[in-house]
């Protein structure tokens, strides 16, 4: 048996070299690979991640109880197999939690109550403290937790989206290898649960607040009949930014119901780090005005800005 090798810069794990020279996974990983993976839940991001795992040959299960018809159609299109509730995923080798930040603790508690003792990937935009609380909760029931921070859009294309991973080295290595041939790029961080979440939230602080500030600026300009002038000025002085590309704010409006919770998590992380959280709380209040825009495919910039005034 030989140690970890490298393929395109990524660990491919512990391998077994047979007498005829063939290279196969070590028996423990081969056994785990035959067990299904659980996904909670197949939203816009989760469904695409689930589809990537299906494309690698894995069976991916999800819990359909209480989920919408839209979610069911999305899961079916991704090739996921429906089960009734969380307890029906307890035999999975890995469970991925990809849900709105406000639901992360509830989802983890349900998995802990199911008797699951495998590898739990907490891949939500939550504070490091909350990630550590989830690790303690599930660890007390025999499961192992990997902290995952997803950065980027649903990974339909290569080189667009990363998942940062932290936690126990062996567990992080398993998840890294799981995505080695997918469009979701895993990046392993050294250190405990909480580090991946901290990096995710640090990036989101700048990325998402820039959209909030751009919307605030365009709403102010629009109230004075200066939308075109602001657009021209931003294009000249700040090309490529959300201020110069207001059409990109529509996606932020559709996702604001989720971003609102993320701002609250970042505020909590800032409080824990003795950093002023007020700007994040204000951003959460701002985003709450866009709840009516949730998943609205007909949304326009004009309607988005009007929602700020009408709330």
C-alpha atoms as a PDB file:
ATOM      1  CA  UNK A   1       0.000   0.000   0.000  1.00  0.00           C
ATOM      2  CA  UNK A   2       1.320   3.429  -0.827  1.00  0.00           C
ATOM      3  CA  UNK A   3       0.529   6.860   0.552  1.00  0.00           C
ATOM      4  CA  UNK A   4      -1.393   9.732  -0.910  1.00  0.00           C
ATOM      5  CA  UNK A   5      -0.463  10.716  -4.456  1.00  0.00           C
ATOM      6  CA  UNK A   6      -1.245  13.969  -6.247  1.00  0.00           C
ATOM      7  CA  UNK A   7      -3.331  14.418  -9.371  1.00  0.00           C
ATOM      8  CA  UNK A   8      -3.650  17.922 -10.834  1.00  0.00           C
ATOM      9  CA  UNK A   9      -2.597  19.292  -7.466  1.00  0.00           C
ATOM     10  CA  UNK A  10      -5.233  17.405  -5.455  1.00  0.00           C
ATOM     11  CA  UNK A  11      -4.847  14.452  -3.136  1.00  0.00           C
ATOM     12  CA  UNK A  12      -6.414  11.298  -4.511  1.00  0.00           C
ATOM     13  CA  UNK A  13      -6.226   9.484  -1.216  1.00  0.00           C
ATOM     14  CA  UNK A  14      -4.892   6.179   0.038  1.00  0.00           C
ATOM     15  CA  UNK A  15      -4.661   3.677  -2.826  1.00  0.00           C
ATOM     16  CA  UNK A  16      -4.172  -0.066  -3.069  1.00  0.00           C
ATOM     17  CA  UNK A  17      -1.843  -1.360  -5.773  1.00  0.00           C
ATOM     18  CA  UNK A  18      -2.854  -4.902  -6.753  1.00  0.00           C
ATOM     19  CA  UNK A  19      -0.523  -7.656  -7.949  1.00  0.00           C
ATOM     20  CA  UNK A  20      -1.340  -6.944 -11.600  1.00  0.00           C
ATOM     21  CA  UNK A  21      -0.474  -3.269 -11.183  1.00  0.00           C
ATOM     22  CA  UNK A  22      -4.050  -1.938 -11.063  1.00  0.00           C
ATOM     23  CA  UNK A  23      -4.745   0.967  -8.724  1.00  0.00           C
ATOM     24  CA  UNK A  24      -7.919   0.773  -6.663  1.00  0.00           C
ATOM     25  CA  UNK A  25      -9.353   2.632  -3.682  1.00  0.00           C
ATOM     26  CA  UNK A  26      -8.415   1.258  -0.277  1.00  0.00           C
ATOM     27  CA  UNK A  27     -11.080  -1.143   1.027  1.00  0.00           C
ATOM     28  CA  UNK A  28     -12.512   1.261   3.622  1.00  0.00           C
ATOM     29  CA  UNK A  29     -13.082   4.030   1.076  1.00  0.00           C
ATOM     30  CA  UNK A  30     -14.403   1.576  -1.516  1.00  0.00           C
ATOM     31  CA  UNK A  31     -17.007   0.431   0.986  1.00  0.00           C
ATOM     32  CA  UNK A  32     -18.033   3.975   1.819  1.00  0.00           C
ATOM     33  CA  UNK A  33     -18.331   4.785  -1.890  1.00  0.00           C
ATOM     34  CA  UNK A  34     -21.042   2.119  -2.250  1.00  0.00           C
ATOM     35  CA  UNK A  35     -23.233   3.810   0.354  1.00  0.00           C
ATOM     36  CA  UNK A  36     -25.492   6.679  -0.744  1.00  0.00           C
ATOM     37  CA  UNK A  37     -24.976  10.357  -0.042  1.00  0.00           C
ATOM     38  CA  UNK A  38     -27.686  12.475   1.572  1.00  0.00           C
ATOM     39  CA  UNK A  39     -28.511  16.055   0.548  1.00  0.00           C
ATOM     40  CA  UNK A  40     -30.471  18.537   2.659  1.00  0.00           C
ATOM     41  CA  UNK A  41     -31.808  20.293   0.622  1.00  0.00           C
ATOM     42  CA  UNK A  42     -31.881  20.520  -3.202  1.00  0.00           C
ATOM     43  CA  UNK A  43     -32.355  24.267  -3.568  1.00  0.00           C
ATOM     44  CA  UNK A  44     -30.753  26.213  -6.419  1.00  0.00           C
ATOM     45  CA  UNK A  45     -27.256  25.495  -5.082  1.00  0.00           C
ATOM     46  CA  UNK A  46     -27.821  22.096  -3.476  1.00  0.00           C
ATOM     47  CA  UNK A  47     -29.454  20.557  -6.540  1.00  0.00           C
ATOM     48  CA  UNK A  48     -26.511  21.409  -8.788  1.00  0.00           C
ATOM     49  CA  UNK A  49     -24.027  20.044  -6.235  1.00  0.00           C
ATOM     50  CA  UNK A  50     -26.130  16.888  -5.985  1.00  0.00           C
ATOM     51  CA  UNK A  51     -26.168  16.551  -9.766  1.00  0.00           C
ATOM     52  CA  UNK A  52     -22.367  16.771  -9.837  1.00  0.00           C
ATOM     53  CA  UNK A  53     -22.138  13.890  -7.359  1.00  0.00           C
ATOM     54  CA  UNK A  54     -24.625  11.855  -9.408  1.00  0.00           C
ATOM     55  CA  UNK A  55     -22.403  12.387 -12.453  1.00  0.00           C
ATOM     56  CA  UNK A  56     -19.518  10.767 -10.548  1.00  0.00           C
ATOM     57  CA  UNK A  57     -21.634   7.630 -10.149  1.00  0.00           C
ATOM     58  CA  UNK A  58     -22.840   8.213  -6.595  1.00  0.00           C
ATOM     59  CA  UNK A  59     -26.421   7.663  -5.438  1.00  0.00           C
ATOM     60  CA  UNK A  60     -27.750  10.863  -3.858  1.00  0.00           C
ATOM     61  CA  UNK A  61     -30.838  10.848  -1.637  1.00  0.00           C
ATOM     62  CA  UNK A  62     -32.924  13.760  -0.403  1.00  0.00           C
ATOM     63  CA  UNK A  63     -35.782  14.126   2.071  1.00  0.00           C
ATOM     64  CA  UNK A  64     -38.967  15.234   0.349  1.00  0.00           C
ATOM     65  CA  UNK A  65     -41.335  15.647   3.304  1.00  0.00           C
ATOM     66  CA  UNK A  66     -42.728  19.160   3.423  1.00  0.00           C
ATOM     67  CA  UNK A  67     -40.812  20.365   0.364  1.00  0.00           C
ATOM     68  CA  UNK A  68     -42.392  22.306  -2.485  1.00  0.00           C
ATOM     69  CA  UNK A  69     -43.264  21.006  -5.928  1.00  0.00           C
ATOM     70  CA  UNK A  70     -40.557  23.288  -7.344  1.00  0.00           C
ATOM     71  CA  UNK A  71     -37.984  21.563  -5.154  1.00  0.00           C
ATOM     72  CA  UNK A  72     -39.268  18.160  -6.226  1.00  0.00           C
ATOM     73  CA  UNK A  73     -38.917  19.022  -9.896  1.00  0.00           C
ATOM     74  CA  UNK A  74     -35.448  20.429  -9.304  1.00  0.00           C
ATOM     75  CA  UNK A  75     -34.340  17.277  -7.450  1.00  0.00           C
ATOM     76  CA  UNK A  76     -35.745  15.005 -10.131  1.00  0.00           C
ATOM     77  CA  UNK A  77     -33.949  16.938 -12.869  1.00  0.00           C
ATOM     78  CA  UNK A  78     -30.692  16.577 -10.916  1.00  0.00           C
ATOM     79  CA  UNK A  79     -31.081  12.790 -10.736  1.00  0.00           C
ATOM     80  CA  UNK A  80     -31.624  12.696  -6.972  1.00  0.00           C
ATOM     81  CA  UNK A  81     -33.670   9.934  -5.346  1.00  0.00           C
ATOM     82  CA  UNK A  82     -36.462  10.984  -2.994  1.00  0.00           C
ATOM     83  CA  UNK A  83     -36.997   9.611   0.478  1.00  0.00           C
ATOM     84  CA  UNK A  84     -39.610  10.690   2.982  1.00  0.00           C
ATOM     85  CA  UNK A  85     -37.788  12.348   5.888  1.00  0.00           C
ATOM     86  CA  UNK A  86     -34.388  13.008   7.412  1.00  0.00           C
ATOM     87  CA  UNK A  87     -34.453   9.686   9.291  1.00  0.00           C
ATOM     88  CA  UNK A  88     -34.450   7.899   5.923  1.00  0.00           C
ATOM     89  CA  UNK A  89     -30.995   9.351   5.231  1.00  0.00           C
ATOM     90  CA  UNK A  90     -29.399   8.065   8.457  1.00  0.00           C
ATOM     91  CA  UNK A  91     -27.681   5.161   6.655  1.00  0.00           C
ATOM     92  CA  UNK A  92     -25.858   7.470   4.215  1.00  0.00           C
ATOM     93  CA  UNK A  93     -22.066   7.679   4.408  1.00  0.00           C
ATOM     94  CA  UNK A  94     -22.144  11.471   3.975  1.00  0.00           C
ATOM     95  CA  UNK A  95     -24.851  14.094   4.428  1.00  0.00           C
ATOM     96  CA  UNK A  96     -24.463  17.545   2.891  1.00  0.00           C
ATOM     97  CA  UNK A  97     -26.396  20.383   4.505  1.00  0.00           C
ATOM     98  CA  UNK A  98     -27.016  23.153   1.948  1.00  0.00           C
ATOM     99  CA  UNK A  99     -29.889  25.262   3.223  1.00  0.00           C
ATOM    100  CA  UNK A 100     -30.713  28.874   4.182  1.00  0.00           C
ATOM    101  CA  UNK A 101     -28.505  30.026   7.083  1.00  0.00           C
ATOM    102  CA  UNK A 102     -31.435  30.437   9.459  1.00  0.00           C
ATOM    103  CA  UNK A 103     -32.327  26.736   9.042  1.00  0.00           C
ATOM    104  CA  UNK A 104     -28.822  25.287   9.519  1.00  0.00           C
ATOM    105  CA  UNK A 105     -29.115  24.529  13.236  1.00  0.00           C
ATOM    106  CA  UNK A 106     -32.574  23.004  12.819  1.00  0.00           C
ATOM    107  CA  UNK A 107     -31.392  20.748   9.994  1.00  0.00           C
ATOM    108  CA  UNK A 108     -28.355  19.633  12.013  1.00  0.00           C
ATOM    109  CA  UNK A 109     -30.552  18.845  15.031  1.00  0.00           C
ATOM    110  CA  UNK A 110     -32.851  16.705  12.879  1.00  0.00           C
ATOM    111  CA  UNK A 111     -29.869  14.767  11.505  1.00  0.00           C
ATOM    112  CA  UNK A 112     -28.462  14.293  15.022  1.00  0.00           C
ATOM    113  CA  UNK A 113     -31.814  12.925  16.148  1.00  0.00           C
ATOM    114  CA  UNK A 114     -31.901  10.425  13.280  1.00  0.00           C
ATOM    115  CA  UNK A 115     -28.957   8.406  14.607  1.00  0.00           C
ATOM    116  CA  UNK A 116     -26.665   9.393  11.719  1.00  0.00           C
ATOM    117  CA  UNK A 117     -23.019   8.616  12.550  1.00  0.00           C
ATOM    118  CA  UNK A 118     -21.301   9.314   9.241  1.00  0.00           C
ATOM    119  CA  UNK A 119     -19.654  12.419   7.801  1.00  0.00           C
ATOM    120  CA  UNK A 120     -21.712  15.625   7.922  1.00  0.00           C
ATOM    121  CA  UNK A 121     -20.711  18.529   5.677  1.00  0.00           C
ATOM    122  CA  UNK A 122     -22.026  21.789   7.104  1.00  0.00           C
ATOM    123  CA  UNK A 123     -21.955  23.859   3.907  1.00  0.00           C
ATOM    124  CA  UNK A 124     -24.092  26.837   4.911  1.00  0.00           C
ATOM    125  CA  UNK A 125     -23.303  30.533   5.330  1.00  0.00           C
ATOM    126  CA  UNK A 126     -23.173  30.481   9.121  1.00  0.00           C
ATOM    127  CA  UNK A 127     -20.863  31.965  11.730  1.00  0.00           C
ATOM    128  CA  UNK A 128     -17.819  30.005  12.915  1.00  0.00           C
ATOM    129  CA  UNK A 129     -19.433  29.755  16.351  1.00  0.00           C
ATOM    130  CA  UNK A 130     -22.573  28.171  14.912  1.00  0.00           C
ATOM    131  CA  UNK A 131     -20.452  25.767  12.834  1.00  0.00           C
ATOM    132  CA  UNK A 132     -18.660  24.710  16.000  1.00  0.00           C
ATOM    133  CA  UNK A 133     -21.962  24.246  17.831  1.00  0.00           C
ATOM    134  CA  UNK A 134     -23.149  21.947  15.043  1.00  0.00           C
ATOM    135  CA  UNK A 135     -19.875  19.999  15.197  1.00  0.00           C
ATOM    136  CA  UNK A 136     -20.335  19.524  18.944  1.00  0.00           C
ATOM    137  CA  UNK A 137     -23.971  18.472  18.539  1.00  0.00           C
ATOM    138  CA  UNK A 138     -23.303  15.856  15.860  1.00  0.00           C
ATOM    139  CA  UNK A 139     -19.968  14.803  17.308  1.00  0.00           C
ATOM    140  CA  UNK A 140     -21.757  13.899  20.509  1.00  0.00           C
ATOM    141  CA  UNK A 141     -23.879  11.446  18.492  1.00  0.00           C
ATOM    142  CA  UNK A 142     -20.927   9.781  16.766  1.00  0.00           C
ATOM    143  CA  UNK A 143     -20.819  11.769  13.528  1.00  0.00           C
ATOM    144  CA  UNK A 144     -17.853  13.708  12.121  1.00  0.00           C
ATOM    145  CA  UNK A 145     -18.358  17.263  10.871  1.00  0.00           C
ATOM    146  CA  UNK A 146     -16.530  19.062   8.069  1.00  0.00           C
ATOM    147  CA  UNK A 147     -16.997  22.822   7.791  1.00  0.00           C
ATOM    148  CA  UNK A 148     -17.735  23.877   4.210  1.00  0.00           C
ATOM    149  CA  UNK A 149     -17.892  27.384   2.775  1.00  0.00           C
ATOM    150  CA  UNK A 150     -19.313  27.597  -0.764  1.00  0.00           C
ATOM    151  CA  UNK A 151     -18.210  30.645  -2.755  1.00  0.00           C
ATOM    152  CA  UNK A 152     -19.660  31.330  -6.190  1.00  0.00           C
ATOM    153  CA  UNK A 153     -22.813  30.476  -8.159  1.00  0.00           C
ATOM    154  CA  UNK A 154     -24.322  26.995  -8.559  1.00  0.00           C
ATOM    155  CA  UNK A 155     -21.382  25.102 -10.148  1.00  0.00           C
ATOM    156  CA  UNK A 156     -22.717  24.370 -13.615  1.00  0.00           C
ATOM    157  CA  UNK A 157     -19.415  25.336 -15.249  1.00  0.00           C
ATOM    158  CA  UNK A 158     -15.801  24.677 -14.201  1.00  0.00           C
ATOM    159  CA  UNK A 159     -13.745  27.350 -12.434  1.00  0.00           C
ATOM    160  CA  UNK A 160     -16.736  29.316 -11.158  1.00  0.00           C
ATOM    161  CA  UNK A 161     -17.333  27.917  -7.676  1.00  0.00           C
ATOM    162  CA  UNK A 162     -15.246  26.709  -4.754  1.00  0.00           C
ATOM    163  CA  UNK A 163     -16.017  24.886  -1.534  1.00  0.00           C
ATOM    164  CA  UNK A 164     -13.541  25.644   1.223  1.00  0.00           C
ATOM    165  CA  UNK A 165     -13.163  22.828   3.746  1.00  0.00           C
ATOM    166  CA  UNK A 166     -11.846  22.698   7.303  1.00  0.00           C
ATOM    167  CA  UNK A 167     -11.969  20.200  10.130  1.00  0.00           C
ATOM    168  CA  UNK A 168     -10.431  16.755  10.724  1.00  0.00           C
ATOM    169  CA  UNK A 169      -7.802  16.059   8.065  1.00  0.00           C
ATOM    170  CA  UNK A 170      -9.062  12.595   7.091  1.00  0.00           C
ATOM    171  CA  UNK A 171     -12.639  13.815   6.719  1.00  0.00           C
ATOM    172  CA  UNK A 172     -11.597  16.878   4.734  1.00  0.00           C
ATOM    173  CA  UNK A 173      -9.555  14.618   2.449  1.00  0.00           C
ATOM    174  CA  UNK A 174     -12.587  12.416   1.757  1.00  0.00           C
ATOM    175  CA  UNK A 175     -14.683  15.385   0.672  1.00  0.00           C
ATOM    176  CA  UNK A 176     -11.821  16.779  -1.406  1.00  0.00           C
ATOM    177  CA  UNK A 177     -11.558  13.486  -3.291  1.00  0.00           C
ATOM    178  CA  UNK A 178     -15.322  13.268  -3.701  1.00  0.00           C
ATOM    179  CA  UNK A 179     -15.345  16.431  -5.819  1.00  0.00           C
ATOM    180  CA  UNK A 180     -12.050  15.865  -7.655  1.00  0.00           C
ATOM    181  CA  UNK A 181     -13.749  15.265 -11.033  1.00  0.00           C
ATOM    182  CA  UNK A 182     -16.627  17.725 -10.662  1.00  0.00           C
ATOM    183  CA  UNK A 183     -17.100  21.390 -11.510  1.00  0.00           C
ATOM    184  CA  UNK A 184     -17.083  22.296  -7.797  1.00  0.00           C
ATOM    185  CA  UNK A 185     -13.487  22.980  -6.785  1.00  0.00           C
ATOM    186  CA  UNK A 186     -12.622  21.841  -3.231  1.00  0.00           C
ATOM    187  CA  UNK A 187      -9.993  23.826  -1.332  1.00  0.00           C
ATOM    188  CA  UNK A 188      -8.731  22.336   1.939  1.00  0.00           C
ATOM    189  CA  UNK A 189      -7.800  24.708   4.751  1.00  0.00           C
ATOM    190  CA  UNK A 190      -5.684  23.663   7.690  1.00  0.00           C
ATOM    191  CA  UNK A 191      -7.343  23.985  11.058  1.00  0.00           C
ATOM    192  CA  UNK A 192     -10.599  23.177  12.808  1.00  0.00           C
ATOM    193  CA  UNK A 193     -14.277  23.541  12.033  1.00  0.00           C
ATOM    194  CA  UNK A 194     -15.078  27.248  11.765  1.00  0.00           C
ATOM    195  CA  UNK A 195     -12.208  28.359   9.540  1.00  0.00           C
ATOM    196  CA  UNK A 196     -14.003  27.631   6.265  1.00  0.00           C
ATOM    197  CA  UNK A 197     -17.097  29.456   7.509  1.00  0.00           C
ATOM    198  CA  UNK A 198     -15.003  32.451   8.566  1.00  0.00           C
ATOM    199  CA  UNK A 199     -13.452  32.749   5.101  1.00  0.00           C
ATOM    200  CA  UNK A 200     -16.828  32.372   3.396  1.00  0.00           C
ATOM    201  CA  UNK A 201     -18.371  35.109   5.547  1.00  0.00           C
ATOM    202  CA  UNK A 202     -15.388  37.429   5.144  1.00  0.00           C
ATOM    203  CA  UNK A 203     -15.737  37.229   1.363  1.00  0.00           C
ATOM    204  CA  UNK A 204     -19.521  37.609   1.521  1.00  0.00           C
ATOM    205  CA  UNK A 205     -19.156  40.741   3.632  1.00  0.00           C
ATOM    206  CA  UNK A 206     -17.530  42.576   0.741  1.00  0.00           C
ATOM    207  CA  UNK A 207     -19.282  40.818  -2.132  1.00  0.00           C
ATOM    208  CA  UNK A 208     -22.856  41.127  -0.922  1.00  0.00           C
ATOM    209  CA  UNK A 209     -22.555  44.498   0.760  1.00  0.00           C
ATOM    210  CA  UNK A 210     -21.293  45.879  -2.558  1.00  0.00           C
ATOM    211  CA  UNK A 211     -24.640  44.898  -4.116  1.00  0.00           C
ATOM    212  CA  UNK A 212     -26.574  46.459  -1.239  1.00  0.00           C
ATOM    213  CA  UNK A 213     -24.635  49.726  -1.578  1.00  0.00           C
ATOM    214  CA  UNK A 214     -25.089  49.761  -5.350  1.00  0.00           C
ATOM    215  CA  UNK A 215     -28.848  49.322  -4.966  1.00  0.00           C
ATOM    216  CA  UNK A 216     -28.958  52.118  -2.371  1.00  0.00           C
ATOM    217  CA  UNK A 217     -27.057  54.411  -4.735  1.00  0.00           C
ATOM    218  CA  UNK A 218     -29.276  53.623  -7.727  1.00  0.00           C
ATOM    219  CA  UNK A 219     -32.432  54.108  -5.659  1.00  0.00           C
ATOM    220  CA  UNK A 220     -31.221  57.546  -4.587  1.00  0.00           C
ATOM    221  CA  UNK A 221     -30.245  58.530  -8.136  1.00  0.00           C
ATOM    222  CA  UNK A 222     -33.550  57.239  -9.479  1.00  0.00           C
ATOM    223  CA  UNK A 223     -35.507  59.351  -7.004  1.00  0.00           C
ATOM    224  CA  UNK A 224     -33.898  62.434  -8.617  1.00  0.00           C
ATOM    225  CA  UNK A 225     -34.223  61.223 -12.210  1.00  0.00           C
ATOM    226  CA  UNK A 226     -30.485  60.564 -12.511  1.00  0.00           C
ATOM    227  CA  UNK A 227     -30.351  56.814 -13.191  1.00  0.00           C
ATOM    228  CA  UNK A 228     -28.729  57.144 -16.618  1.00  0.00           C
ATOM    229  CA  UNK A 229     -26.224  59.686 -15.350  1.00  0.00           C
ATOM    230  CA  UNK A 230     -25.191  57.473 -12.429  1.00  0.00           C
ATOM    231  CA  UNK A 231     -24.845  54.516 -14.775  1.00  0.00           C
ATOM    232  CA  UNK A 232     -22.547  56.475 -17.093  1.00  0.00           C
ATOM    233  CA  UNK A 233     -20.488  57.823 -14.195  1.00  0.00           C
ATOM    234  CA  UNK A 234     -20.085  54.367 -12.627  1.00  0.00           C
ATOM    235  CA  UNK A 235     -19.082  52.836 -15.951  1.00  0.00           C
ATOM    236  CA  UNK A 236     -16.401  55.487 -16.392  1.00  0.00           C
ATOM    237  CA  UNK A 237     -15.054  55.467 -12.831  1.00  0.00           C
ATOM    238  CA  UNK A 238     -15.867  51.979 -11.471  1.00  0.00           C
ATOM    239  CA  UNK A 239     -16.237  49.675 -14.495  1.00  0.00           C
ATOM    240  CA  UNK A 240     -17.289  46.100 -13.839  1.00  0.00           C
ATOM    241  CA  UNK A 241     -18.708  46.824 -10.378  1.00  0.00           C
ATOM    242  CA  UNK A 242     -22.326  46.288  -9.260  1.00  0.00           C
ATOM    243  CA  UNK A 243     -22.750  50.077  -9.407  1.00  0.00           C
ATOM    244  CA  UNK A 244     -21.833  50.045 -13.097  1.00  0.00           C
ATOM    245  CA  UNK A 245     -23.875  46.918 -13.844  1.00  0.00           C
ATOM    246  CA  UNK A 246     -27.263  47.459 -12.147  1.00  0.00           C
ATOM    247  CA  UNK A 247     -28.786  44.576 -14.092  1.00  0.00           C
ATOM    248  CA  UNK A 248     -26.826  42.268 -11.821  1.00  0.00           C
ATOM    249  CA  UNK A 249     -28.800  43.532  -8.833  1.00  0.00           C
ATOM    250  CA  UNK A 250     -31.813  41.529  -9.987  1.00  0.00           C
ATOM    251  CA  UNK A 251     -30.134  38.295  -8.904  1.00  0.00           C
ATOM    252  CA  UNK A 252     -29.431  39.828  -5.506  1.00  0.00           C
ATOM    253  CA  UNK A 253     -33.093  40.746  -5.181  1.00  0.00           C
ATOM    254  CA  UNK A 254     -34.241  37.218  -5.918  1.00  0.00           C
ATOM    255  CA  UNK A 255     -31.805  35.842  -3.321  1.00  0.00           C
ATOM    256  CA  UNK A 256     -32.364  38.522  -0.668  1.00  0.00           C
ATOM    257  CA  UNK A 257     -34.541  36.242   1.485  1.00  0.00           C
ATOM    258  CA  UNK A 258     -31.436  34.083   1.972  1.00  0.00           C
ATOM    259  CA  UNK A 259     -28.886  36.902   2.038  1.00  0.00           C
ATOM    260  CA  UNK A 260     -30.796  38.530   4.894  1.00  0.00           C
ATOM    261  CA  UNK A 261     -30.026  35.554   7.151  1.00  0.00           C
ATOM    262  CA  UNK A 262     -26.428  35.560   5.956  1.00  0.00           C
ATOM    263  CA  UNK A 263     -26.020  39.191   7.062  1.00  0.00           C
ATOM    264  CA  UNK A 264     -27.260  38.180  10.507  1.00  0.00           C
ATOM    265  CA  UNK A 265     -24.673  35.390  10.640  1.00  0.00           C
ATOM    266  CA  UNK A 266     -21.895  37.768   9.609  1.00  0.00           C
ATOM    267  CA  UNK A 267     -23.037  40.244  12.267  1.00  0.00           C
ATOM    268  CA  UNK A 268     -22.845  37.467  14.859  1.00  0.00           C
ATOM    269  CA  UNK A 269     -19.358  36.502  13.660  1.00  0.00           C
ATOM    270  CA  UNK A 270     -18.232  40.133  13.885  1.00  0.00           C
ATOM    271  CA  UNK A 271     -19.624  40.410  17.408  1.00  0.00           C
ATOM    272  CA  UNK A 272     -17.719  37.273  18.409  1.00  0.00           C
ATOM    273  CA  UNK A 273     -14.549  38.815  16.964  1.00  0.00           C
ATOM    274  CA  UNK A 274     -15.115  42.184  18.731  1.00  0.00           C
ATOM    275  CA  UNK A 275     -15.700  43.908  15.353  1.00  0.00           C
ATOM    276  CA  UNK A 276     -18.602  46.389  15.013  1.00  0.00           C
ATOM    277  CA  UNK A 277     -21.600  44.511  13.508  1.00  0.00           C
ATOM    278  CA  UNK A 278     -23.942  47.441  12.877  1.00  0.00           C
ATOM    279  CA  UNK A 279     -23.357  47.727   9.127  1.00  0.00           C
ATOM    280  CA  UNK A 280     -24.280  44.040   8.680  1.00  0.00           C
ATOM    281  CA  UNK A 281     -27.445  44.425  10.724  1.00  0.00           C
ATOM    282  CA  UNK A 282     -28.418  47.425   8.613  1.00  0.00           C
ATOM    283  CA  UNK A 283     -27.798  45.378   5.465  1.00  0.00           C
ATOM    284  CA  UNK A 284     -30.090  42.657   6.804  1.00  0.00           C
ATOM    285  CA  UNK A 285     -32.847  45.230   7.365  1.00  0.00           C
ATOM    286  CA  UNK A 286     -32.297  46.545   3.832  1.00  0.00           C
ATOM    287  CA  UNK A 287     -32.517  43.072   2.298  1.00  0.00           C
ATOM    288  CA  UNK A 288     -35.709  42.305   4.204  1.00  0.00           C
ATOM    289  CA  UNK A 289     -37.448  44.824   1.916  1.00  0.00           C
ATOM    290  CA  UNK A 290     -36.786  42.460  -0.988  1.00  0.00           C
ATOM    291  CA  UNK A 291     -38.478  39.410   0.502  1.00  0.00           C
ATOM    292  CA  UNK A 292     -41.341  39.951  -1.960  1.00  0.00           C
ATOM    293  CA  UNK A 293     -38.845  39.398  -4.800  1.00  0.00           C
ATOM    294  CA  UNK A 294     -37.999  35.817  -3.793  1.00  0.00           C
ATOM    295  CA  UNK A 295     -37.282  33.672  -6.867  1.00  0.00           C
ATOM    296  CA  UNK A 296     -39.219  36.133  -9.097  1.00  0.00           C
ATOM    297  CA  UNK A 297     -38.084  35.341 -12.638  1.00  0.00           C
ATOM    298  CA  UNK A 298     -39.893  38.422 -14.031  1.00  0.00           C
ATOM    299  CA  UNK A 299     -38.093  40.828 -11.674  1.00  0.00           C
ATOM    300  CA  UNK A 300     -36.639  44.025 -13.178  1.00  0.00           C
ATOM    301  CA  UNK A 301     -34.311  46.689 -11.793  1.00  0.00           C
ATOM    302  CA  UNK A 302     -37.171  49.212 -11.747  1.00  0.00           C
ATOM    303  CA  UNK A 303     -39.350  46.897  -9.663  1.00  0.00           C
ATOM    304  CA  UNK A 304     -36.426  46.092  -7.402  1.00  0.00           C
ATOM    305  CA  UNK A 305     -35.820  49.755  -6.630  1.00  0.00           C
ATOM    306  CA  UNK A 306     -39.536  50.381  -6.210  1.00  0.00           C
ATOM    307  CA  UNK A 307     -39.660  47.637  -3.573  1.00  0.00           C
ATOM    308  CA  UNK A 308     -37.199  49.663  -1.486  1.00  0.00           C
ATOM    309  CA  UNK A 309     -39.529  52.637  -1.474  1.00  0.00           C
ATOM    310  CA  UNK A 310     -42.787  50.722  -1.087  1.00  0.00           C
ATOM    311  CA  UNK A 311     -41.834  48.548   1.885  1.00  0.00           C
END
